[in-house]
Amino acid sequence: ASGIIFSIYNMGWYRQAPGKQRELVARITTSGSTMYADSV
């Protein structure tokens, strides 16, 4: 990331397969807490 104060934002990874909707894979908060989709 650039152009931001990185540490103050929650972030995440999402994925999209052909013909399917974008889905949440994992997220991480500013404090380091994590959550994951059941599939991963």
All heavy atoms as atom14 arrays in JSON, in Angstrom:
{
  "sequence": "ASGIIFSIYNMGWYRQAPGKQRELVARITTSGSTMYADSV",
  "atom14_mask": [
    [1, 1, 1, 1, 1, 0, 0, 0, 0, 0, 0, 0, 0, 0],
    [1, 1, 1, 1, 1, 1, 0, 0, 0, 0, 0, 0, 0, 0],
    [1, 1, 1, 1, 0, 0, 0, 0, 0, 0, 0, 0, 0, 0],
    [1, 1, 1, 1, 1, 1, 1, 1, 0, 0, 0, 0, 0, 0],
    [1, 1, 1, 1, 1, 1, 1, 1, 0, 0, 0, 0, 0, 0],
    [1, 1, 1, 1, 1, 1, 1, 1, 1, 1, 1, 0, 0, 0],
    [1, 1, 1, 1, 1, 1, 0, 0, 0, 0, 0, 0, 0, 0],
    [1, 1, 1, 1, 1, 1, 1, 1, 0, 0, 0, 0, 0, 0],
    [1, 1, 1, 1, 1, 1, 1, 1, 1, 1, 1, 1, 0, 0],
    [1, 1, 1, 1, 1, 1, 1, 1, 0, 0, 0, 0, 0, 0],
    [1, 1, 1, 1, 1, 1, 1, 1, 0, 0, 0, 0, 0, 0],
    [1, 1, 1, 1, 0, 0, 0, 0, 0, 0, 0, 0, 0, 0],
    [1, 1, 1, 1, 1, 1, 1, 1, 1, 1, 1, 1, 1, 1],
    [1, 1, 1, 1, 1, 1, 1, 1, 1, 1, 1, 1, 0, 0],
    [1, 1, 1, 1, 1, 1, 1, 1, 1, 1, 1, 0, 0, 0],
    [1, 1, 1, 1, 1, 1, 1, 1, 1, 0, 0, 0, 0, 0],
    [1, 1, 1, 1, 1, 0, 0, 0, 0, 0, 0, 0, 0, 0],
    [1, 1, 1, 1, 1, 1, 1, 0, 0, 0, 0, 0, 0, 0],
    [1, 1, 1, 1, 0, 0, 0, 0, 0, 0, 0, 0, 0, 0],
    [1, 1, 1, 1, 1, 1, 1, 1, 1, 0, 0, 0, 0, 0],
    [1, 1, 1, 1, 1, 1, 1, 1, 1, 0, 0, 0, 0, 0],
    [1, 1, 1, 1, 1, 1, 1, 1, 1, 1, 1, 0, 0, 0],
    [1, 1, 1, 1, 1, 1, 1, 1, 1, 0, 0, 0, 0, 0],
    [1, 1, 1, 1, 1, 1, 1, 1, 0, 0, 0, 0, 0, 0],
    [1, 1, 1, 1, 1, 1, 1, 0, 0, 0, 0, 0, 0, 0],
    [1, 1, 1, 1, 1, 0, 0, 0, 0, 0, 0, 0, 0, 0],
    [1, 1, 1, 1, 1, 1, 1, 1, 1, 1, 1, 0, 0, 0],
    [1, 1, 1, 1, 1, 1, 1, 1, 0, 0, 0, 0, 0, 0],
    [1, 1, 1, 1, 1, 1, 1, 0, 0, 0, 0, 0, 0, 0],
    [1, 1, 1, 1, 1, 1, 1, 0, 0, 0, 0, 0, 0, 0],
    [1, 1, 1, 1, 1, 1, 0, 0, 0, 0, 0, 0, 0, 0],
    [1, 1, 1, 1, 0, 0, 0, 0, 0, 0, 0, 0, 0, 0],
    [1, 1, 1, 1, 1, 1, 0, 0, 0, 0, 0, 0, 0, 0],
    [1, 1, 1, 1, 1, 1, 1, 0, 0, 0, 0, 0, 0, 0],
    [1, 1, 1, 1, 1, 1, 1, 1, 0, 0, 0, 0, 0, 0],
    [1, 1, 1, 1, 1, 1, 1, 1, 1, 1, 1, 1, 0, 0],
    [1, 1, 1, 1, 1, 0, 0, 0, 0, 0, 0, 0, 0, 0],
    [1, 1, 1, 1, 1, 1, 1, 1, 0, 0, 0, 0, 0, 0],
    [1, 1, 1, 1, 1, 1, 0, 0, 0, 0, 0, 0, 0, 0],
    [1, 1, 1, 1, 1, 1, 1, 0, 0, 0, 0, 0, 0, 0]
  ],
  "atom14_positions": [
    [[0.83, -1.2, 0.0], [0.0, 0.0, 0.0], [0.86, 1.25, 0.0], [1.94, 1.28, 0.6], [-0.93, 0.01, 1.21], [0.0, 0.0, 0.0], [0.0, 0.0, 0.0], [0.0, 0.0, 0.0], [0.0, 0.0, 0.0], [0.0, 0.0, 0.0], [0.0, 0.0, 0.0], [0.0, 0.0, 0.0], [0.0, 0.0, 0.0], [0.0, 0.0, 0.0]],
    [[0.37, 2.28, -0.65], [1.02, 3.57, -0.64], [-0.03, 4.67, -0.61], [-1.18, 4.45, -0.98], [1.94, 3.74, -1.85], [1.21, 3.67, -3.06], [0.0, 0.0, 0.0], [0.0, 0.0, 0.0], [0.0, 0.0, 0.0], [0.0, 0.0, 0.0], [0.0, 0.0, 0.0], [0.0, 0.0, 0.0], [0.0, 0.0, 0.0], [0.0, 0.0, 0.0]],
    [[0.36, 5.85, -0.16], [-0.55, 6.97, -0.13], [-1.52, 6.97, 1.04], [-2.5, 7.73, 1.03], [0.0, 0.0, 0.0], [0.0, 0.0, 0.0], [0.0, 0.0, 0.0], [0.0, 0.0, 0.0], [0.0, 0.0, 0.0], [0.0, 0.0, 0.0], [0.0, 0.0, 0.0], [0.0, 0.0, 0.0], [0.0, 0.0, 0.0], [0.0, 0.0, 0.0]],
    [[-1.26, 6.15, 2.04], [-2.13, 6.05, 3.2], [-1.31, 5.87, 4.47], [-0.13, 5.53, 4.4], [-3.12, 4.87, 3.1], [-2.33, 3.57, 2.94], [-4.11, 5.07, 1.97], [-3.13, 2.33, 3.24], [0.0, 0.0, 0.0], [0.0, 0.0, 0.0], [0.0, 0.0, 0.0], [0.0, 0.0, 0.0], [0.0, 0.0, 0.0], [0.0, 0.0, 0.0]],
    [[-1.96, 6.12, 5.59], [-1.39, 5.7, 6.87], [-1.89, 4.29, 7.08], [-3.0, 4.05, 7.56], [-1.82, 6.63, 8.01], [-1.42, 8.07, 7.7], [-1.19, 6.17, 9.32], [-1.93, 9.07, 8.71], [0.0, 0.0, 0.0], [0.0, 0.0, 0.0], [0.0, 0.0, 0.0], [0.0, 0.0, 0.0], [0.0, 0.0, 0.0], [0.0, 0.0, 0.0]],
    [[-1.08, 3.34, 6.71], [-1.46, 1.94, 6.62], [-2.01, 1.38, 7.93], [-2.99, 0.62, 7.93], [-0.23, 1.14, 6.17], [-0.45, -0.31, 5.96], [-0.98, -0.78, 4.78], [-0.11, -1.23, 6.95], [-1.17, -2.14, 4.57], [-0.29, -2.58, 6.75], [-0.83, -3.03, 5.56], [0.0, 0.0, 0.0], [0.0, 0.0, 0.0], [0.0, 0.0, 0.0]],
    [[-1.41, 1.77, 9.03], [-1.69, 1.14, 10.31], [-3.09, 1.41, 10.86], [-3.52, 0.73, 11.79], [-0.65, 1.58, 11.35], [-0.69, 2.98, 11.55], [0.0, 0.0, 0.0], [0.0, 0.0, 0.0], [0.0, 0.0, 0.0], [0.0, 0.0, 0.0], [0.0, 0.0, 0.0], [0.0, 0.0, 0.0], [0.0, 0.0, 0.0], [0.0, 0.0, 0.0]],
    [[-3.81, 2.38, 10.31], [-5.11, 2.74, 10.86], [-6.28, 2.08, 10.13], [-7.44, 2.36, 10.45], [-5.33, 4.26, 10.88], [-5.44, 4.83, 9.47], [-4.19, 4.94, 11.65], [-5.83, 6.3, 9.44], [0.0, 0.0, 0.0], [0.0, 0.0, 0.0], [0.0, 0.0, 0.0], [0.0, 0.0, 0.0], [0.0, 0.0, 0.0], [0.0, 0.0, 0.0]],
    [[-6.0, 1.2, 9.19], [-7.05, 0.58, 8.41], [-7.16, -0.93, 8.63], [-6.15, -1.63, 8.67], [-6.83, 0.8, 6.92], [-6.99, 2.23, 6.48], [-5.89, 3.06, 6.35], [-8.25, 2.74, 6.19], [-6.03, 4.38, 5.96], [-8.4, 4.06, 5.79], [-7.29, 4.87, 5.68], [-7.44, 6.18, 5.28], [0.0, 0.0, 0.0], [0.0, 0.0, 0.0]],
    [[-8.39, -1.4, 8.76], [-8.63, -2.83, 8.62], [-8.43, -3.21, 7.16], [-8.68, -2.41, 6.26], [-10.06, -3.18, 9.03], [-10.34, -2.87, 10.48], [-9.43, -2.86, 11.32], [-11.6, -2.64, 10.8], [0.0, 0.0, 0.0], [0.0, 0.0, 0.0], [0.0, 0.0, 0.0], [0.0, 0.0, 0.0], [0.0, 0.0, 0.0], [0.0, 0.0, 0.0]],
    [[-8.0, -4.43, 6.92], [-7.73, -4.86, 5.56], [-8.22, -6.29, 5.35], [-8.55, -6.99, 6.31], [-6.24, -4.78, 5.24], [-5.65, -3.4, 5.37], [-3.94, -3.31, 4.81], [-4.17, -3.46, 3.03], [0.0, 0.0, 0.0], [0.0, 0.0, 0.0], [0.0, 0.0, 0.0], [0.0, 0.0, 0.0], [0.0, 0.0, 0.0], [0.0, 0.0, 0.0]],
    [[-8.24, -6.7, 4.1], [-8.67, -8.06, 3.82], [-8.27, -8.54, 2.45], [-7.85, -7.77, 1.58], [0.0, 0.0, 0.0], [0.0, 0.0, 0.0], [0.0, 0.0, 0.0], [0.0, 0.0, 0.0], [0.0, 0.0, 0.0], [0.0, 0.0, 0.0], [0.0, 0.0, 0.0], [0.0, 0.0, 0.0], [0.0, 0.0, 0.0], [0.0, 0.0, 0.0]],
    [[-8.4, -9.85, 2.28], [-8.23, -10.51, 1.0], [-9.56, -11.07, 0.54], [-10.27, -11.7, 1.33], [-7.21, -11.64, 1.08], [-5.79, -11.2, 1.21], [-5.05, -11.12, 2.35], [-4.93, -10.78, 0.15], [-3.79, -10.68, 2.08], [-3.68, -10.46, 0.73], [-5.09, -10.65, -1.23], [-2.6, -10.03, -0.04], [-4.01, -10.21, -1.98], [-2.79, -9.9, -1.38]],
    [[-9.87, -10.85, -0.72], [-11.06, -11.39, -1.35], [-10.65, -12.1, -2.63], [-9.55, -11.88, -3.14], [-12.06, -10.27, -1.68], [-12.66, -9.61, -0.47], [-11.9, -8.77, 0.34], [-14.0, -9.81, -0.14], [-12.45, -8.15, 1.46], [-14.56, -9.19, 0.97], [-13.78, -8.37, 1.76], [-14.34, -7.76, 2.86], [0.0, 0.0, 0.0], [0.0, 0.0, 0.0]],
    [[-11.52, -12.95, -3.14], [-11.2, -13.63, -4.38], [-12.45, -13.76, -5.25], [-13.57, -13.77, -4.75], [-10.58, -15.0, -4.14], [-11.52, -16.02, -3.52], [-10.76, -17.29, -3.15], [-11.63, -18.31, -2.59], [-11.21, -19.45, -2.08], [-9.89, -19.72, -2.05], [-12.07, -20.32, -1.59], [0.0, 0.0, 0.0], [0.0, 0.0, 0.0], [0.0, 0.0, 0.0]],
    [[-12.22, -13.88, -6.54], [-13.31, -14.03, -7.49], [-12.9, -15.02, -8.57], [-11.92, -14.8, -9.29], [-13.69, -12.69, -8.12], [-14.92, -12.76, -8.99], [-15.44, -11.38, -9.36], [-14.7, -10.41, -9.36], [-16.72, -11.31, -9.68], [0.0, 0.0, 0.0], [0.0, 0.0, 0.0], [0.0, 0.0, 0.0], [0.0, 0.0, 0.0], [0.0, 0.0, 0.0]],
    [[-13.65, -16.09, -8.67], [-13.45, -17.07, -9.71], [-14.33, -16.73, -10.9], [-15.36, -16.05, -10.74], [-13.77, -18.47, -9.19], [0.0, 0.0, 0.0], [0.0, 0.0, 0.0], [0.0, 0.0, 0.0], [0.0, 0.0, 0.0], [0.0, 0.0, 0.0], [0.0, 0.0, 0.0], [0.0, 0.0, 0.0], [0.0, 0.0, 0.0], [0.0, 0.0, 0.0]],
    [[-13.98, -17.18, -12.1], [-14.8, -16.89, -13.28], [-16.24, -17.34, -13.09], [-16.5, -18.46, -12.66], [-14.12, -17.69, -14.39], [-12.7, -17.8, -13.95], [-12.77, -17.94, -12.46], [0.0, 0.0, 0.0], [0.0, 0.0, 0.0], [0.0, 0.0, 0.0], [0.0, 0.0, 0.0], [0.0, 0.0, 0.0], [0.0, 0.0, 0.0], [0.0, 0.0, 0.0]],
    [[-17.18, -16.44, -13.38], [-18.59, -16.76, -13.26], [-19.14, -16.76, -11.85], [-20.31, -17.11, -11.66], [0.0, 0.0, 0.0], [0.0, 0.0, 0.0], [0.0, 0.0, 0.0], [0.0, 0.0, 0.0], [0.0, 0.0, 0.0], [0.0, 0.0, 0.0], [0.0, 0.0, 0.0], [0.0, 0.0, 0.0], [0.0, 0.0, 0.0], [0.0, 0.0, 0.0]],
    [[-18.34, -16.39, -10.87], [-18.78, -16.38, -9.49], [-18.61, -14.99, -8.88], [-17.86, -14.16, -9.39], [-18.0, -17.4, -8.66], [-18.11, -18.83, -9.15], [-17.46, -19.81, -8.19], [-18.24, -19.91, -6.9], [-17.68, -20.95, -5.99], [0.0, 0.0, 0.0], [0.0, 0.0, 0.0], [0.0, 0.0, 0.0], [0.0, 0.0, 0.0], [0.0, 0.0, 0.0]],
    [[-19.32, -14.75, -7.79], [-19.22, -13.47, -7.11], [-17.93, -13.39, -6.3], [-17.34, -14.41, -5.93], [-20.43, -13.25, -6.2], [-20.51, -14.21, -5.03], [-21.72, -13.96, -4.15], [-22.47, -13.01, -4.36], [-21.92, -14.81, -3.17], [0.0, 0.0, 0.0], [0.0, 0.0, 0.0], [0.0, 0.0, 0.0], [0.0, 0.0, 0.0], [0.0, 0.0, 0.0]],
    [[-17.52, -12.17, -6.04], [-16.36, -11.97, -5.2], [-16.69, -12.39, -3.77], [-17.76, -12.06, -3.25], [-15.93, -10.51, -5.24], [-14.63, -10.23, -4.51], [-14.17, -8.78, -4.72], [-13.91, -8.49, -6.11], [-13.42, -7.35, -6.56], [-13.12, -6.38, -5.71], [-13.23, -7.18, -7.86], [0.0, 0.0, 0.0], [0.0, 0.0, 0.0], [0.0, 0.0, 0.0]],
    [[-15.78, -13.11, -3.13], [-16.03, -13.6, -1.79], [-14.89, -13.25, -0.85], [-13.73, -13.14, -1.25], [-16.24, -15.11, -1.8], [-15.03, -15.91, -2.22], [-15.23, -17.41, -2.12], [-16.29, -17.85, -1.61], [-14.33, -18.16, -2.55], [0.0, 0.0, 0.0], [0.0, 0.0, 0.0], [0.0, 0.0, 0.0], [0.0, 0.0, 0.0], [0.0, 0.0, 0.0]],
    [[-15.25, -13.09, 0.39], [-14.27, -12.82, 1.44], [-13.42, -14.05, 1.68], [-13.93, -15.16, 1.81], [-14.98, -12.41, 2.73], [-14.11, -12.27, 3.97], [-13.16, -11.09, 3.84], [-14.98, -12.12, 5.21], [0.0, 0.0, 0.0], [0.0, 0.0, 0.0], [0.0, 0.0, 0.0], [0.0, 0.0, 0.0], [0.0, 0.0, 0.0], [0.0, 0.0, 0.0]],
    [[-12.12, -13.85, 1.76], [-11.2, -14.92, 2.12], [-10.73, -14.76, 3.56], [-10.8, -15.7, 4.36], [-9.98, -14.94, 1.18], [-8.96, -15.99, 1.62], [-10.43, -15.2, -0.26], [0.0, 0.0, 0.0], [0.0, 0.0, 0.0], [0.0, 0.0, 0.0], [0.0, 0.0, 0.0], [0.0, 0.0, 0.0], [0.0, 0.0, 0.0], [0.0, 0.0, 0.0]],
    [[-10.25, -13.58, 3.9], [-9.75, -13.31, 5.24], [-9.7, -11.82, 5.47], [-9.55, -11.04, 4.53], [-8.36, -13.92, 5.43], [0.0, 0.0, 0.0], [0.0, 0.0, 0.0], [0.0, 0.0, 0.0], [0.0, 0.0, 0.0], [0.0, 0.0, 0.0], [0.0, 0.0, 0.0], [0.0, 0.0, 0.0], [0.0, 0.0, 0.0], [0.0, 0.0, 0.0]],
    [[-9.82, -11.41, 6.74], [-9.66, -10.02, 7.1], [-8.77, -9.91, 8.32], [-8.67, -10.83, 9.13], [-11.01, -9.34, 7.38], [-11.84, -9.1, 6.13], [-12.98, -8.12, 6.38], [-12.5, -6.76, 6.62], [-12.13, -5.89, 5.67], [-12.19, -6.24, 4.39], [-11.72, -4.68, 6.0], [0.0, 0.0, 0.0], [0.0, 0.0, 0.0], [0.0, 0.0, 0.0]],
    [[-8.13, -8.75, 8.45], [-7.28, -8.47, 9.59], [-7.51, -7.03, 10.03], [-7.56, -6.11, 9.22], [-5.79, -8.74, 9.25], [-4.92, -8.56, 10.49], [-5.32, -7.88, 8.08], [-3.52, -9.14, 10.31], [0.0, 0.0, 0.0], [0.0, 0.0, 0.0], [0.0, 0.0, 0.0], [0.0, 0.0, 0.0], [0.0, 0.0, 0.0], [0.0, 0.0, 0.0]],
    [[-7.67, -6.84, 11.32], [-7.95, -5.52, 11.86], [-6.67, -4.75, 12.12], [-5.56, -5.27, 11.99], [-8.76, -5.6, 13.16], [-7.93, -6.14, 14.2], [-9.99, -6.48, 12.98], [0.0, 0.0, 0.0], [0.0, 0.0, 0.0], [0.0, 0.0, 0.0], [0.0, 0.0, 0.0], [0.0, 0.0, 0.0], [0.0, 0.0, 0.0], [0.0, 0.0, 0.0]],
    [[-6.84, -3.5, 12.53], [-5.7, -2.67, 12.86], [-4.9, -3.23, 14.03], [-3.7, -2.98, 14.12], [-6.15, -1.24, 13.2], [-7.09, -1.27, 14.28], [-6.8, -0.58, 11.99], [0.0, 0.0, 0.0], [0.0, 0.0, 0.0], [0.0, 0.0, 0.0], [0.0, 0.0, 0.0], [0.0, 0.0, 0.0], [0.0, 0.0, 0.0], [0.0, 0.0, 0.0]],
    [[-5.57, -3.96, 14.89], [-4.91, -4.53, 16.05], [-4.38, -5.95, 15.82], [-3.8, -6.55, 16.72], [-5.85, -4.54, 17.26], [-7.0, -5.31, 17.0], [0.0, 0.0, 0.0], [0.0, 0.0, 0.0], [0.0, 0.0, 0.0], [0.0, 0.0, 0.0], [0.0, 0.0, 0.0], [0.0, 0.0, 0.0], [0.0, 0.0, 0.0], [0.0, 0.0, 0.0]],
    [[-4.62, -6.48, 14.62], [-4.1, -7.79, 14.29], [-5.06, -8.94, 14.45], [-4.66, -10.1, 14.23], [0.0, 0.0, 0.0], [0.0, 0.0, 0.0], [0.0, 0.0, 0.0], [0.0, 0.0, 0.0], [0.0, 0.0, 0.0], [0.0, 0.0, 0.0], [0.0, 0.0, 0.0], [0.0, 0.0, 0.0], [0.0, 0.0, 0.0], [0.0, 0.0, 0.0]],
    [[-6.3, -8.67, 14.82], [-7.29, -9.74, 14.9], [-7.62, -10.24, 13.5], [-7.71, -9.45, 12.56], [-8.56, -9.26, 15.59], [-8.3, -8.9, 16.93], [0.0, 0.0, 0.0], [0.0, 0.0, 0.0], [0.0, 0.0, 0.0], [0.0, 0.0, 0.0], [0.0, 0.0, 0.0], [0.0, 0.0, 0.0], [0.0, 0.0, 0.0], [0.0, 0.0, 0.0]],
    [[-7.82, -11.53, 13.36], [-8.05, -12.13, 12.05], [-9.34, -12.93, 12.02], [-9.82, -13.41, 13.05], [-6.89, -13.03, 11.64], [-6.75, -14.08, 12.61], [-5.59, -12.25, 11.56], [0.0, 0.0, 0.0], [0.0, 0.0, 0.0], [0.0, 0.0, 0.0], [0.0, 0.0, 0.0], [0.0, 0.0, 0.0], [0.0, 0.0, 0.0], [0.0, 0.0, 0.0]],
    [[-9.89, -13.07, 10.83], [-11.02, -13.94, 10.6], [-10.88, -14.53, 9.2], [-10.29, -13.92, 8.32], [-12.36, -13.21, 10.77], [-12.61, -12.07, 9.79], [-13.35, -12.62, 8.22], [-14.94, -13.2, 8.8], [0.0, 0.0, 0.0], [0.0, 0.0, 0.0], [0.0, 0.0, 0.0], [0.0, 0.0, 0.0], [0.0, 0.0, 0.0], [0.0, 0.0, 0.0]],
    [[-11.45, -15.73, 9.02], [-11.3, -16.46, 7.77], [-12.6, -17.06, 7.31], [-13.46, -17.44, 8.11], [-10.3, -17.61, 7.95], [-8.91, -17.17, 8.33], [-8.56, -17.02, 9.67], [-7.96, -16.9, 7.35], [-7.28, -16.61, 10.02], [-6.68, -16.5, 7.71], [-6.35, -16.35, 9.04], [-5.08, -15.95, 9.38], [0.0, 0.0, 0.0], [0.0, 0.0, 0.0]],
    [[-12.73, -17.16, 6.0], [-13.83, -17.92, 5.45], [-13.65, -19.4, 5.82], [-12.52, -19.89, 5.92], [-13.87, -17.78, 3.93], [0.0, 0.0, 0.0], [0.0, 0.0, 0.0], [0.0, 0.0, 0.0], [0.0, 0.0, 0.0], [0.0, 0.0, 0.0], [0.0, 0.0, 0.0], [0.0, 0.0, 0.0], [0.0, 0.0, 0.0], [0.0, 0.0, 0.0]],
    [[-14.76, -20.08, 6.02], [-14.68, -21.49, 6.4], [-13.89, -22.32, 5.4], [-13.2, -23.28, 5.77], [-16.09, -22.08, 6.54], [-16.81, -21.58, 7.77], [-16.16, -21.06, 8.69], [-18.05, -21.71, 7.81], [0.0, 0.0, 0.0], [0.0, 0.0, 0.0], [0.0, 0.0, 0.0], [0.0, 0.0, 0.0], [0.0, 0.0, 0.0], [0.0, 0.0, 0.0]],
    [[-13.96, -21.96, 4.14], [-13.32, -22.73, 3.09], [-11.79, -22.7, 3.15], [-11.14, -23.55, 2.55], [-13.78, -22.23, 1.72], [-13.48, -20.86, 1.55], [0.0, 0.0, 0.0], [0.0, 0.0, 0.0], [0.0, 0.0, 0.0], [0.0, 0.0, 0.0], [0.0, 0.0, 0.0], [0.0, 0.0, 0.0], [0.0, 0.0, 0.0], [0.0, 0.0, 0.0]],
    [[-11.23, -21.73, 3.86], [-9.77, -21.6, 3.91], [-9.2, -21.75, 5.31], [-7.97, -21.74, 5.47], [-9.29, -20.27, 3.3], [-9.85, -20.09, 1.9], [-9.66, -19.09, 4.19], [0.0, 0.0, 0.0], [0.0, 0.0, 0.0], [0.0, 0.0, 0.0], [0.0, 0.0, 0.0], [0.0, 0.0, 0.0], [0.0, 0.0, 0.0], [0.0, 0.0, 0.0]]
  ]
}
